[in-house]
Amino acid sequence: MGELKPCPFCKGTVDLVQTMHETLGNRRHHYVCRNCGAIVFLYVKGVKYKSKEETDKEAIEVWNRRTDND
């Protein structure tokens, strides 16, 4: 799994947590800052045919995207 950028609010370490809802066929990701406790949710729709690794990678890419990226 790729590395997550630090929390945009306090620059603290962030953990990625994933839950799967088998009936709806979707995964929910959320990011929790260990320092300030900020929680950011990401809903990944229609992932029945994607592996956990693929959706984790997408979630990390979304988290790491910043307005000042190239």
Protein backbone atom coordinates (compact mmCIF):
# COMPACT_ATOMS: atom_id res chain seq x y z
CA MET A 1 0.00 0.00 0.00
CA GLY A 2 1.24 3.48 -0.83
CA GLU A 3 2.16 6.11 1.68
CA LEU A 4 -0.43 8.65 2.82
CA LYS A 5 0.43 12.33 2.94
CA PRO A 6 0.13 13.91 6.39
CA CYS A 7 -3.06 15.51 7.67
CA PRO A 8 -3.74 18.76 5.77
CA PHE A 9 -4.95 20.38 9.01
CA CYS A 10 -2.14 19.63 11.48
CA LYS A 11 0.46 17.64 9.47
CA GLY A 12 -0.07 14.62 11.74
CA THR A 13 0.10 10.94 10.76
CA VAL A 14 -3.03 9.58 9.05
CA ASP A 15 -4.43 6.04 9.00
CA LEU A 16 -6.63 4.62 6.22
CA VAL A 17 -9.53 2.46 7.42
CA GLN A 18 -11.73 0.47 5.01
CA THR A 19 -15.10 -1.14 5.58
CA MET A 20 -16.95 -3.29 3.06
CA HIS A 21 -20.70 -3.48 2.66
CA GLU A 22 -21.12 -6.80 0.84
CA THR A 23 -24.83 -6.40 0.05
CA LEU A 24 -24.43 -3.00 -1.60
CA GLY A 25 -21.12 -3.95 -3.18
CA ASN A 26 -19.25 -0.89 -2.04
CA ARG A 27 -16.37 0.02 0.17
CA ARG A 28 -16.13 2.97 2.45
CA HIS A 29 -12.79 4.44 3.31
CA HIS A 30 -12.07 6.93 5.98
CA TYR A 31 -8.91 8.63 7.06
CA VAL A 32 -8.22 9.35 10.71
CA CYS A 33 -5.51 11.72 11.92
CA ARG A 34 -3.70 10.34 14.96
CA ASN A 35 -2.81 13.85 16.12
CA CYS A 36 -5.89 16.11 15.78
CA GLY A 37 -8.55 13.42 15.31
CA ALA A 38 -9.82 14.76 11.98
CA ILE A 39 -11.87 12.19 10.05
CA VAL A 40 -12.43 12.34 6.31
CA PHE A 41 -14.75 9.88 4.56
CA LEU A 42 -14.50 8.59 0.99
CA TYR A 43 -17.27 6.54 -0.58
CA VAL A 44 -16.13 4.28 -3.44
CA LYS A 45 -19.15 3.20 -5.48
CA GLY A 46 -19.46 0.14 -7.71
CA VAL A 47 -16.40 -1.78 -6.61
CA LYS A 48 -17.82 -5.29 -6.85
CA TYR A 49 -15.28 -6.15 -9.50
CA LYS A 50 -12.29 -4.38 -7.96
CA SER A 51 -9.95 -5.87 -5.42
CA LYS A 52 -9.28 -4.39 -2.00
CA GLU A 53 -5.80 -3.44 -3.22
CA GLU A 54 -7.25 -1.52 -6.19
CA THR A 55 -9.69 0.45 -4.07
CA ASP A 56 -7.04 1.11 -1.40
CA LYS A 57 -4.76 2.48 -4.11
CA GLU A 58 -7.54 4.75 -5.43
CA ALA A 59 -8.36 5.94 -1.91
CA ILE A 60 -4.70 6.79 -1.26
CA GLU A 61 -4.50 8.70 -4.56
CA VAL A 62 -7.60 10.70 -3.60
CA TRP A 63 -6.24 11.49 -0.13
CA ASN A 64 -2.85 12.54 -1.50
CA ARG A 65 -4.38 14.91 -4.05
CA ARG A 66 -3.91 18.51 -2.96
CA THR A 67 -4.91 21.80 -4.58
CA ASP A 68 -1.25 22.68 -5.02
CA ASN A 69 -0.42 19.47 -6.96
CA ASP A 70 0.98 19.93 -10.46
